N, C-alpha and C. Protein backbone atom coordinates (compact mmCIF):
# COMPACT_ATOMS: atom_id res chain seq x y z
N MET A 1 -9.87 -5.02 17.48
CA MET A 1 -7.48 -6.05 18.18
C MET A 1 -7.67 -3.62 17.97
N LYS A 2 -6.82 -3.29 19.00
CA LYS A 2 -6.89 -1.76 18.87
C LYS A 2 -5.90 -1.19 18.23
N ILE A 3 -5.15 -0.70 17.42
CA ILE A 3 -4.80 -0.12 16.40
C ILE A 3 -3.45 0.43 17.25
N GLU A 4 -3.63 0.63 17.80
CA GLU A 4 -2.18 1.40 18.83
C GLU A 4 -1.06 -0.57 18.88
N ASN A 5 -1.86 -1.34 18.31
CA ASN A 5 -1.00 -2.73 18.38
C ASN A 5 -1.16 -2.85 17.47
N LYS A 6 -1.38 -2.67 16.08
CA LYS A 6 -0.80 -3.06 15.07
C LYS A 6 0.73 -2.84 13.94
N ILE A 7 1.32 -3.07 14.96
CA ILE A 7 2.86 -3.18 13.64
C ILE A 7 2.92 -4.28 12.52
N LEU A 8 3.91 -3.14 11.32
CA LEU A 8 4.16 -3.39 10.73
C LEU A 8 6.43 -4.05 10.48
N PHE A 9 6.17 -5.51 10.67
CA PHE A 9 7.76 -5.64 10.88
C PHE A 9 7.90 -5.73 9.28
N LEU A 10 9.30 -5.13 9.02
CA LEU A 10 9.96 -5.70 7.97
C LEU A 10 11.47 -6.18 7.96
N GLY A 11 11.08 -7.14 8.09
CA GLY A 11 12.05 -7.77 8.08
C GLY A 11 12.07 -9.03 7.75
N GLU A 12 13.54 -10.33 9.04
CA GLU A 12 13.18 -11.56 8.77
C GLU A 12 11.75 -12.41 9.39
N SER A 13 11.06 -13.06 9.10
CA SER A 13 10.30 -13.70 10.11
C SER A 13 10.93 -14.54 11.39
N ASP A 14 12.01 -14.78 11.09
CA ASP A 14 12.85 -15.77 12.49
C ASP A 14 13.78 -14.97 13.72
N SER A 15 12.50 -12.91 13.55
CA SER A 15 13.12 -11.88 13.72
C SER A 15 13.23 -12.40 15.86
N PRO A 16 13.66 -12.53 16.91
CA PRO A 16 13.14 -12.61 17.83
C PRO A 16 12.40 -11.63 18.40
N LEU A 17 12.55 -10.47 17.55
CA LEU A 17 11.83 -9.12 18.36
C LEU A 17 10.11 -9.70 17.75
N ILE A 18 9.93 -10.00 17.04
CA ILE A 18 8.50 -10.63 16.48
C ILE A 18 8.28 -11.79 17.61
N LYS A 19 8.82 -12.41 18.29
CA LYS A 19 7.61 -13.02 19.65
C LYS A 19 8.09 -12.14 20.42
N TRP A 20 9.11 -11.53 21.27
CA TRP A 20 9.08 -10.74 22.02
C TRP A 20 7.59 -10.23 21.60
N LEU A 21 7.67 -9.37 20.81
CA LEU A 21 6.51 -8.43 20.25
C LEU A 21 5.22 -8.79 20.66
N GLN A 22 4.40 -10.70 20.07
CA GLN A 22 4.02 -10.78 20.22
C GLN A 22 3.11 -11.02 22.19
N GLN A 23 4.53 -11.25 22.71
CA GLN A 23 4.02 -12.08 23.86
C GLN A 23 4.29 -10.71 25.05
N LYS A 24 4.44 -9.33 24.06
CA LYS A 24 3.55 -7.92 24.65
C LYS A 24 2.39 -7.24 24.82
N GLY A 25 1.92 -8.34 23.56
CA GLY A 25 0.69 -8.07 22.69
C GLY A 25 -0.05 -7.15 22.20
N GLU A 26 1.24 -7.38 21.22
CA GLU A 26 1.49 -6.78 18.97
C GLU A 26 1.09 -7.32 18.84
N HIS A 27 0.07 -6.57 17.68
CA HIS A 27 -0.01 -7.73 16.77
C HIS A 27 0.59 -7.79 15.55
N VAL A 28 1.37 -8.87 15.01
CA VAL A 28 2.64 -7.80 14.22
C VAL A 28 2.77 -9.23 13.24
N THR A 29 2.53 -8.08 11.47
CA THR A 29 2.59 -8.08 10.48
C THR A 29 4.43 -8.48 9.83
N ILE A 30 4.63 -9.30 9.94
CA ILE A 30 5.97 -9.36 8.43
C ILE A 30 5.81 -9.29 7.72
N ILE A 31 6.67 -8.75 7.09
CA ILE A 31 6.97 -8.06 5.62
C ILE A 31 8.10 -7.99 4.93
N ASN A 32 8.62 -8.83 4.23
CA ASN A 32 10.20 -8.89 3.78
C ASN A 32 10.70 -8.35 1.74
N HIS A 33 8.94 -8.48 1.08
CA HIS A 33 9.41 -7.82 0.06
C HIS A 33 8.90 -6.38 0.38
N LYS A 34 8.81 -5.50 -0.82
CA LYS A 34 8.04 -3.93 -0.63
C LYS A 34 7.14 -4.22 -0.90
N ILE A 35 6.36 -2.48 -0.32
CA ILE A 35 5.53 -2.85 0.30
C ILE A 35 5.18 -1.04 -0.15
N THR A 36 3.67 -1.59 -0.25
CA THR A 36 3.10 -0.30 -1.64
C THR A 36 1.91 0.68 -0.02
N VAL A 37 1.57 1.99 -0.83
CA VAL A 37 0.62 2.59 0.09
C VAL A 37 -0.50 2.07 0.18
N ASP A 38 -0.74 1.43 -0.31
CA ASP A 38 -2.49 1.11 -0.79
C ASP A 38 -2.23 -0.64 0.37
N TYR A 39 -1.65 -1.08 0.32
CA TYR A 39 -1.15 -1.84 1.16
C TYR A 39 -1.91 -1.20 2.58
N ILE A 40 -0.54 -0.21 3.05
CA ILE A 40 -0.39 0.09 4.92
C ILE A 40 -1.55 0.89 4.82
N LEU A 41 -2.40 1.68 3.75
CA LEU A 41 -4.03 2.49 4.43
C LEU A 41 -4.92 0.72 4.64
N GLU A 42 -5.27 -0.27 4.03
CA GLU A 42 -5.72 -1.12 3.73
C GLU A 42 -5.85 -2.16 5.08
N LYS A 43 -4.58 -2.49 5.78
CA LYS A 43 -4.08 -2.63 6.71
C LYS A 43 -4.32 -2.09 8.06
N SER A 44 -4.14 -0.54 7.86
CA SER A 44 -4.58 0.20 9.34
C SER A 44 -3.20 0.14 10.11
N PHE A 45 -1.68 -0.02 10.32
CA PHE A 45 -0.78 -0.35 10.75
C PHE A 45 -0.22 1.06 11.45
N TYR A 46 -0.22 0.88 13.00
CA TYR A 46 0.09 2.62 14.33
C TYR A 46 1.96 2.32 13.84
N PHE A 47 1.90 1.18 14.00
CA PHE A 47 3.59 1.82 14.45
C PHE A 47 4.61 1.02 13.18
N LEU A 48 6.04 1.19 12.25
CA LEU A 48 6.22 0.44 11.33
C LEU A 48 7.87 0.24 12.10
N ILE A 49 8.10 -1.39 12.30
CA ILE A 49 9.62 -1.31 12.52
C ILE A 49 10.27 -1.89 11.26
N SER A 50 11.97 -1.64 11.89
CA SER A 50 12.15 -2.41 10.18
C SER A 50 14.24 -2.89 11.05
N TYR A 51 14.00 -3.84 10.53
CA TYR A 51 15.09 -4.57 10.82
C TYR A 51 15.73 -5.06 10.28
N GLY A 52 16.56 -5.27 9.28
CA GLY A 52 17.56 -6.37 8.86
C GLY A 52 16.38 -6.02 7.05
N TYR A 53 15.75 -4.77 6.29
CA TYR A 53 15.56 -5.37 5.76
C TYR A 53 16.44 -4.26 4.52
N ARG A 54 16.04 -5.11 3.37
CA ARG A 54 15.87 -4.50 1.98
C ARG A 54 15.87 -3.98 1.24
N HIS A 55 14.75 -2.85 1.38
CA HIS A 55 14.53 -2.50 0.27
C HIS A 55 14.24 -0.60 0.96
N ILE A 56 14.66 0.35 0.10
CA ILE A 56 14.70 1.34 0.96
C ILE A 56 12.61 2.41 0.76
N ILE A 57 12.47 2.60 1.93
CA ILE A 57 11.24 2.99 2.29
C ILE A 57 10.74 4.35 1.73
N LYS A 58 10.32 4.87 1.29
CA LYS A 58 9.63 5.49 0.71
C LYS A 58 8.87 6.86 1.77
N ALA A 59 8.79 8.33 0.68
CA ALA A 59 8.64 9.38 1.22
C ALA A 59 7.05 9.10 1.53
N ASP A 60 6.41 8.75 0.73
CA ASP A 60 5.69 8.93 0.51
C ASP A 60 4.39 7.73 2.08
N ILE A 61 4.97 6.75 2.03
CA ILE A 61 4.98 5.35 3.21
C ILE A 61 5.49 5.89 4.41
N LEU A 62 6.61 6.90 4.34
CA LEU A 62 6.60 6.70 5.75
C LEU A 62 5.82 8.63 6.00
N ASP A 63 5.49 8.68 5.57
CA ASP A 63 4.34 9.80 5.99
C ASP A 63 3.25 9.76 6.12
N LEU A 64 2.95 7.96 6.30
CA LEU A 64 1.91 8.05 7.07
C LEU A 64 2.12 7.16 7.78
N PHE A 65 3.11 7.22 9.25
CA PHE A 65 4.35 6.94 10.27
C PHE A 65 4.52 8.07 10.69
N PRO A 66 4.05 9.55 10.82
CA PRO A 66 5.17 10.13 12.36
C PRO A 66 5.18 9.62 13.46
N ASN A 67 6.75 9.56 13.19
CA ASN A 67 7.57 9.45 14.44
C ASN A 67 6.95 7.68 15.01
N ARG A 68 6.31 7.39 13.41
CA ARG A 68 6.59 6.41 14.41
C ARG A 68 7.23 5.20 13.37
N ALA A 69 8.15 5.16 13.01
CA ALA A 69 9.13 4.61 12.29
C ALA A 69 9.97 4.19 12.57
N ILE A 70 10.79 3.67 12.59
CA ILE A 70 12.12 2.88 13.65
C ILE A 70 12.93 2.38 12.53
N ASN A 71 13.83 2.27 13.18
CA ASN A 71 15.97 1.12 11.65
C ASN A 71 16.34 0.93 13.21
N LEU A 72 16.77 -0.84 13.41
CA LEU A 72 16.97 -1.34 14.18
C LEU A 72 18.92 -1.24 13.38
N HIS A 73 19.75 -0.83 13.20
CA HIS A 73 20.67 -0.72 12.43
C HIS A 73 22.78 -1.03 12.90
N ILE A 74 23.18 -2.09 12.71
CA ILE A 74 24.19 -2.32 13.21
C ILE A 74 25.80 -1.48 13.48
N SER A 75 25.95 -0.59 13.73
CA SER A 75 26.69 0.67 13.39
C SER A 75 26.27 1.40 14.27
N TYR A 76 27.54 2.20 14.90
CA TYR A 76 27.44 3.57 16.14
C TYR A 76 27.19 4.32 14.75
N LEU A 77 26.20 4.88 14.18
CA LEU A 77 26.23 5.64 13.70
C LEU A 77 26.62 7.07 14.01
N PRO A 78 26.67 8.10 13.91
CA PRO A 78 26.76 8.15 11.55
C PRO A 78 27.62 7.18 11.64
N TYR A 79 28.50 6.21 12.09
CA TYR A 79 29.34 6.08 10.87
C TYR A 79 28.70 4.86 10.74
N ASN A 80 29.52 3.92 8.99
CA ASN A 80 28.70 2.70 8.62
C ASN A 80 27.72 2.74 8.37
N ARG A 81 26.75 3.95 7.21
CA ARG A 81 26.07 4.00 7.05
C ARG A 81 25.66 2.95 6.26
N GLY A 82 24.37 1.52 5.42
CA GLY A 82 23.92 1.52 4.44
C GLY A 82 24.70 0.03 4.30
N ALA A 83 25.62 -0.63 3.41
CA ALA A 83 25.52 -2.39 3.69
C ALA A 83 27.24 -2.35 5.11
N ASP A 84 26.90 -3.82 4.64
CA ASP A 84 28.16 -4.74 5.41
C ASP A 84 28.89 -3.59 7.00
N PRO A 85 28.23 -2.91 7.58
CA PRO A 85 28.16 -2.68 8.90
C PRO A 85 29.71 -2.61 9.56
N ASN A 86 29.47 -4.54 10.21
CA ASN A 86 30.24 -5.29 11.14
C ASN A 86 31.84 -4.78 10.38
N PHE A 87 31.93 -4.92 8.99
CA PHE A 87 32.48 -5.58 7.94
C PHE A 87 33.88 -4.10 7.82
N TRP A 88 33.35 -2.84 7.70
CA TRP A 88 33.78 -1.97 7.33
C TRP A 88 33.95 -1.10 8.68
N SER A 89 33.71 -1.19 9.78
CA SER A 89 34.01 -1.24 10.88
C SER A 89 36.05 -1.26 12.09
N PHE A 90 36.05 -2.43 10.97
CA PHE A 90 36.82 -2.64 11.48
C PHE A 90 38.00 -2.35 10.08
N ILE A 91 37.58 -2.62 8.89
CA ILE A 91 38.04 -1.79 8.41
C ILE A 91 38.67 -0.18 7.91
N GLU A 92 38.18 0.18 8.70
CA GLU A 92 38.07 1.70 8.79
C GLU A 92 38.09 1.70 10.33
N GLY A 93 38.44 1.39 10.69
CA GLY A 93 38.85 1.48 12.10
C GLY A 93 38.18 2.84 12.71
N SER A 94 36.29 2.84 12.52
CA SER A 94 35.59 3.27 13.48
C SER A 94 35.09 2.34 14.34
N PRO A 95 34.39 3.35 15.40
CA PRO A 95 33.99 2.90 16.22
C PRO A 95 32.94 1.72 16.28
N LYS A 96 32.20 0.06 16.97
CA LYS A 96 31.54 -0.35 16.27
C LYS A 96 30.31 -0.36 17.38
N GLY A 97 29.57 -0.53 17.28
CA GLY A 97 28.43 -0.25 18.51
C GLY A 97 26.84 -0.52 17.21
N VAL A 98 25.87 -0.45 18.32
CA VAL A 98 24.68 -0.52 17.02
C VAL A 98 23.48 0.76 17.64
N THR A 99 22.13 0.84 16.84
CA THR A 99 22.04 2.41 16.99
C THR A 99 20.03 1.73 16.65
N ILE A 100 19.51 2.63 17.74
CA ILE A 100 18.29 2.47 16.61
C ILE A 100 17.87 4.00 16.30
N HIS A 101 16.97 4.25 15.29
CA HIS A 101 16.90 5.55 14.84
C HIS A 101 15.85 6.19 14.19
N TYR A 102 14.39 7.14 14.22
CA TYR A 102 13.84 7.30 13.02
C TYR A 102 13.86 7.29 11.99
N ILE A 103 13.52 6.70 11.19
CA ILE A 103 13.20 6.38 9.33
C ILE A 103 13.15 7.74 8.62
N ASN A 104 13.73 8.33 8.04
CA ASN A 104 14.00 9.13 7.34
C ASN A 104 13.99 8.55 5.73
N GLU A 105 14.05 10.16 4.57
CA GLU A 105 14.02 9.38 3.05
C GLU A 105 15.41 9.32 2.77
N GLY A 106 16.98 9.41 3.86
CA GLY A 106 18.00 8.43 3.43
C GLY A 106 18.27 7.83 4.17
N ILE A 107 19.44 6.67 3.94
CA ILE A 107 19.19 6.08 4.40
C ILE A 107 20.62 6.09 5.59
N ASP A 108 20.11 5.64 6.52
CA ASP A 108 19.86 5.12 7.47
C ASP A 108 20.38 6.45 8.89
N THR A 109 20.25 7.61 8.35
CA THR A 109 20.54 8.76 8.62
C THR A 109 18.86 9.99 9.47
N GLY A 110 18.54 8.76 10.12
CA GLY A 110 17.32 9.97 10.65
C GLY A 110 17.79 9.63 12.30
N ASP A 111 17.18 10.41 13.18
CA ASP A 111 17.54 10.71 14.06
C ASP A 111 18.05 10.01 14.85
N ILE A 112 18.47 9.80 15.71
CA ILE A 112 18.75 8.77 16.74
C ILE A 112 18.09 8.49 17.88
N ILE A 113 17.43 7.56 18.36
CA ILE A 113 16.71 7.69 19.71
C ILE A 113 17.59 6.83 20.90
N VAL A 114 18.31 5.96 20.52
CA VAL A 114 19.74 5.05 21.21
C VAL A 114 20.72 4.93 20.44
N GLN A 115 21.55 4.40 20.66
CA GLN A 115 22.99 3.66 20.74
C GLN A 115 23.91 3.43 21.76
N ARG A 116 24.39 2.15 21.37
CA ARG A 116 25.12 1.63 22.28
C ARG A 116 27.02 0.68 22.11
N LYS A 117 27.34 1.63 21.94
CA LYS A 117 29.03 0.78 21.69
C LYS A 117 29.63 -0.93 21.52
N VAL A 118 29.53 -1.12 21.52
CA VAL A 118 30.32 -2.69 21.65
C VAL A 118 31.71 -2.61 21.09
N VAL A 119 32.23 -3.46 22.62
CA VAL A 119 33.90 -3.36 22.45
C VAL A 119 34.06 -5.17 21.72
N PHE A 120 34.95 -4.78 20.70
CA PHE A 120 35.79 -6.27 20.63
C PHE A 120 37.19 -6.29 21.26
N GLU A 121 38.14 -7.18 21.73
CA GLU A 121 38.79 -7.07 22.61
C GLU A 121 39.29 -8.43 21.45
N LEU A 122 38.88 -9.62 21.95
CA LEU A 122 39.90 -11.01 21.15
C LEU A 122 39.84 -10.94 19.95
N LEU A 123 40.52 -10.20 18.54
CA LEU A 123 40.01 -10.17 17.48
C LEU A 123 40.85 -11.19 17.00
N LYS A 124 41.85 -12.18 17.19
CA LYS A 124 42.45 -13.17 17.06
C LYS A 124 41.42 -15.02 17.27
N ILE A 125 40.91 -14.11 17.62
CA ILE A 125 39.61 -15.67 18.10
C ILE A 125 38.14 -14.89 17.47
N GLU A 126 37.95 -13.32 17.28
CA GLU A 126 36.50 -12.85 17.21
C GLU A 126 36.95 -12.88 15.83
N THR A 127 35.41 -13.53 15.12
CA THR A 127 35.03 -13.54 13.99
C THR A 127 33.87 -12.54 13.10
N LEU A 128 34.32 -13.07 11.41
CA LEU A 128 32.64 -12.02 10.94
C LEU A 128 31.36 -12.72 12.07
N ALA A 129 31.61 -13.29 12.20
CA ALA A 129 29.81 -14.57 12.18
C ALA A 129 29.65 -13.76 13.74
N SER A 130 30.62 -14.16 14.40
CA SER A 130 30.55 -14.11 16.51
C SER A 130 30.70 -12.71 16.52
N THR A 131 30.97 -11.46 15.70
CA THR A 131 31.16 -10.16 16.23
C THR A 131 29.58 -9.52 15.31
N TYR A 132 29.19 -10.20 14.23
CA TYR A 132 27.65 -10.40 13.29
C TYR A 132 26.71 -10.55 15.07
N GLN A 133 26.65 -11.61 15.46
CA GLN A 133 25.95 -11.89 16.47
C GLN A 133 26.03 -11.54 17.16
N LYS A 134 27.09 -10.60 18.18
CA LYS A 134 26.29 -10.31 19.74
C LYS A 134 26.72 -8.71 18.24
N LEU A 135 26.63 -7.81 17.81
CA LEU A 135 26.28 -6.77 17.54
C LEU A 135 24.11 -6.89 17.21
N HIS A 136 24.08 -8.09 17.10
CA HIS A 136 22.83 -8.61 16.77
C HIS A 136 21.76 -8.81 18.24
N LYS A 137 22.77 -8.76 19.20
CA LYS A 137 21.84 -9.32 20.20
C LYS A 137 22.52 -7.70 21.14
N THR A 138 22.86 -6.79 21.22
CA THR A 138 23.16 -5.80 21.63
C THR A 138 21.97 -5.21 21.50
N ILE A 139 21.51 -5.26 19.84
CA ILE A 139 21.06 -4.57 19.75
C ILE A 139 19.49 -4.67 19.92
N GLN A 140 18.92 -5.75 19.96
CA GLN A 140 17.08 -6.69 20.70
C GLN A 140 17.48 -6.49 21.45
N LEU A 141 18.57 -6.56 22.70
CA LEU A 141 18.24 -5.94 23.95
C LEU A 141 18.48 -4.57 24.19
N LEU A 142 18.47 -3.71 23.56
CA LEU A 142 18.49 -2.63 23.12
C LEU A 142 17.08 -2.43 23.21
N PHE A 143 16.29 -2.60 21.70
CA PHE A 143 14.48 -2.47 21.16
C PHE A 143 13.63 -3.41 22.30
N PHE A 144 14.38 -4.47 22.88
CA PHE A 144 13.78 -4.36 24.83
C PHE A 144 14.08 -3.47 25.51
N GLU A 145 13.90 -3.43 26.11
CA GLU A 145 14.69 -2.23 27.12
C GLU A 145 13.57 -0.52 26.80
N ASN A 146 14.01 -0.42 25.03
CA ASN A 146 13.27 1.22 25.40
C ASN A 146 12.04 0.44 24.14
N TRP A 147 11.23 -0.06 24.10
CA TRP A 147 10.41 -0.49 22.83
C TRP A 147 9.27 0.71 23.74
N GLU A 148 9.29 0.42 25.12
CA GLU A 148 7.33 1.01 25.85
C GLU A 148 7.84 2.18 25.51
N LEU A 149 9.79 2.99 25.37
CA LEU A 149 9.27 4.33 25.23
C LEU A 149 9.42 5.16 24.51
N ILE A 150 9.87 4.23 23.75
CA ILE A 150 9.49 4.52 21.73
C ILE A 150 8.01 4.24 20.94
N LYS A 151 7.43 3.98 21.55
CA LYS A 151 6.29 3.41 21.05
C LYS A 151 5.41 4.61 21.80
N GLN A 152 5.46 5.20 22.78
CA GLN A 152 4.69 5.76 23.27
C GLN A 152 5.35 7.32 23.60
N LYS A 153 6.03 7.31 22.67
CA LYS A 153 6.53 8.82 21.78
C LYS A 153 7.96 9.93 23.15
N LYS A 154 7.81 8.73 23.86
CA LYS A 154 8.44 9.03 25.26
C LYS A 154 10.02 9.29 25.35
N CYS A 155 10.86 9.24 24.18
CA CYS A 155 12.08 8.80 24.13
C CYS A 155 13.15 9.40 24.00
N ALA A 156 14.36 9.67 23.56
CA ALA A 156 14.73 10.89 23.07
C ALA A 156 14.82 10.30 21.54
N ARG A 157 15.46 11.89 21.67
CA ARG A 157 15.56 12.25 19.73
C ARG A 157 16.52 13.18 19.77
N THR A 158 17.67 12.79 18.49
CA THR A 158 18.96 13.59 18.26
C THR A 158 19.42 13.65 17.09
N ALA A 159 19.80 14.50 17.04
CA ALA A 159 20.12 14.51 15.25
C ALA A 159 22.00 14.30 14.67
N GLN A 160 21.74 12.96 14.26
CA GLN A 160 22.64 12.70 13.66
C GLN A 160 24.43 13.51 13.62
N GLN A 161 24.99 13.43 14.54
CA GLN A 161 26.59 14.62 14.27
C GLN A 161 27.70 14.16 14.29
N GLY A 162 28.28 15.00 13.24
CA GLY A 162 29.93 13.25 13.53
C GLY A 162 30.33 13.94 11.44
N LYS A 163 31.42 13.31 11.24
CA LYS A 163 31.87 12.71 10.07
C LYS A 163 30.67 11.31 9.79
N ALA A 164 30.32 11.40 9.00
CA ALA A 164 29.27 10.45 8.79
C ALA A 164 30.16 9.39 7.22
N THR A 165 29.68 7.72 6.83
CA THR A 165 30.88 7.20 6.15
C THR A 165 29.05 6.32 6.22
N ILE A 166 29.45 5.64 4.65
CA ILE A 166 28.59 5.58 3.92
C ILE A 166 28.98 3.92 3.53
N HIS A 167 28.11 3.69 2.78
CA HIS A 167 28.39 1.97 1.91
C HIS A 167 27.32 0.93 1.01
N ARG A 168 28.16 0.52 0.24
CA ARG A 168 26.63 0.44 -0.72
C ARG A 168 27.81 -1.95 -0.92
N LEU A 169 26.60 -2.55 -1.07
CA LEU A 169 27.13 -3.60 -1.20
C LEU A 169 28.43 -3.71 -1.90
N LYS A 170 28.13 -3.34 -3.37
CA LYS A 170 29.44 -3.05 -4.32
C LYS A 170 30.19 -2.66 -2.98
N ASP A 171 30.52 -2.06 -2.85
CA ASP A 171 31.78 -1.42 -2.09
C ASP A 171 32.95 -3.16 -1.80
N LYS A 172 32.23 -3.58 -1.16
CA LYS A 172 32.51 -5.17 -0.63
C LYS A 172 33.93 -5.63 -1.38
N GLU A 173 33.03 -5.10 -3.13
CA GLU A 173 33.96 -6.33 -3.79
C GLU A 173 35.51 -6.41 -4.06
N GLN A 174 36.13 -4.82 -3.91
CA GLN A 174 37.31 -4.53 -4.23
C GLN A 174 38.38 -5.66 -2.74
N LEU A 175 37.20 -5.63 -1.47
CA LEU A 175 38.26 -6.12 -0.68
C LEU A 175 38.02 -7.91 -0.46
N PHE A 176 37.18 -8.62 -1.06
CA PHE A 176 36.81 -9.77 -1.03
C PHE A 176 37.63 -10.40 -1.05
N PHE A 177 38.78 -10.59 -1.54
CA PHE A 177 40.22 -11.32 -1.26
C PHE A 177 40.40 -11.82 0.54
N LEU A 178 39.94 -11.21 0.88
CA LEU A 178 40.21 -10.79 2.36
C LEU A 178 39.65 -11.70 2.61
N ILE A 179 38.37 -12.24 2.80
CA ILE A 179 37.11 -12.90 3.30
C ILE A 179 37.02 -14.88 1.71
N GLU A 180 37.47 -14.32 1.07
CA GLU A 180 37.37 -15.52 -0.18
C GLU A 180 37.40 -17.33 0.80
N LYS A 181 38.43 -16.87 1.10
CA LYS A 181 38.54 -18.11 2.03
C LYS A 181 38.71 -18.88 2.49
N ASP A 182 37.55 -17.89 3.91
CA ASP A 182 37.48 -17.87 5.13
C ASP A 182 35.60 -18.27 5.42
N GLY A 183 35.31 -16.57 4.60
CA GLY A 183 34.48 -16.47 4.71
C GLY A 183 33.81 -15.97 6.21
N TRP A 184 32.61 -16.26 6.33
CA TRP A 184 32.54 -15.42 8.21
C TRP A 184 32.82 -16.40 8.70
N ASN A 185 33.80 -17.37 8.48
CA ASN A 185 34.83 -17.33 9.71
C ASN A 185 35.90 -16.79 9.44
N THR A 186 35.89 -15.89 9.02
CA THR A 186 36.99 -15.06 8.93
C THR A 186 38.08 -14.41 10.12
N LYS A 187 38.45 -14.81 10.84
CA LYS A 187 38.90 -13.07 11.22
C LYS A 187 39.27 -12.16 12.27
N ILE A 188 38.66 -11.25 12.28
CA ILE A 188 38.84 -10.01 12.35
C ILE A 188 40.23 -9.32 12.76
N SER A 189 41.44 -10.57 13.13
CA SER A 189 42.25 -9.73 12.90
C SER A 189 42.98 -9.49 11.66
N THR A 190 42.35 -10.82 11.24
CA THR A 190 42.45 -10.04 9.36
C THR A 190 42.28 -9.29 8.65
N LEU A 191 41.11 -8.36 9.17
CA LEU A 191 40.05 -7.15 8.91
C LEU A 191 41.28 -5.85 9.31
N VAL A 192 42.11 -6.69 10.49
CA VAL A 192 42.49 -5.36 11.58
C VAL A 192 43.91 -4.95 10.88
N ASP A 193 44.38 -6.16 10.69
CA ASP A 193 45.97 -6.50 9.77
C ASP A 193 45.72 -5.58 8.90
N TYR A 194 44.95 -5.77 8.12
CA TYR A 194 44.92 -5.04 6.44
C TYR A 194 44.82 -3.81 6.80
N SER A 195 43.52 -3.17 7.97
CA SER A 195 43.17 -1.69 8.21
C SER A 195 44.47 -1.17 8.40
N LYS A 196 45.30 -1.09 9.57
CA LYS A 196 46.82 -0.59 10.20
C LYS A 196 47.33 -0.52 9.04
N LYS A 197 47.63 -1.94 7.70
CA LYS A 197 48.39 -1.56 6.94
C LYS A 197 48.43 -0.81 5.98
N ILE A 198 47.55 -0.71 5.33
CA ILE A 198 47.03 0.78 4.44
C ILE A 198 46.56 1.86 4.64
N ASN A 199 45.75 1.98 6.24
CA ASN A 199 45.02 2.95 6.12
C ASN A 199 45.99 3.53 8.13
N ASN A 200 47.10 3.28 8.76
CA ASN A 200 47.55 3.09 9.53
C ASN A 200 46.66 3.67 10.72
N TYR A 201 46.39 3.23 10.91
CA TYR A 201 44.62 3.09 11.97
C TYR A 201 45.43 2.37 13.01
N GLU A 202 44.42 3.04 13.93
CA GLU A 202 44.39 2.23 14.86
C GLU A 202 42.75 0.97 15.84
N ASN A 203 42.59 0.11 15.53
CA ASN A 203 41.73 -0.14 16.15
C ASN A 203 41.53 -0.91 17.40
């Protein structure tokens, strides 16, 4: 097996990216728990892909993947770094979209490789679940379209610019009343109406 085909995938084992990568001839190891330097050195991975991974990747691990560690994030960076980006994009009236970026020591602060805006128009029909699914479908397609260039280091690389926003998991607790009744089936119009009421944003 060529070392160039050894991919460390950090995220859920049912991700569509895994089967697609395997069909492309990549040897994919899937991990969803914290990783160590010793483990990576033992396995000699070539590339690191993070998608839905819940743990911070530290510098000593990133040093083993120079220009070979990327993250897929369902926000239009630098807006909505961190947790619950879809939710906050409607609460704050910020651009919606997805971004593939290099990983550095910050939280979703690495250089942008490629990103795409997503427009949601039927806000009285769309829900948190439907918009979440559309964002993931969009970023998966974006990955499929750009993987070869990314792996070969022929992709674009742009530093993030503009005023960034970031959220922690606990930040949503103060607004839980908006979603406690319907959960993932909460209509996006509910979030947008609340946003306009308190912030005078135009979503």
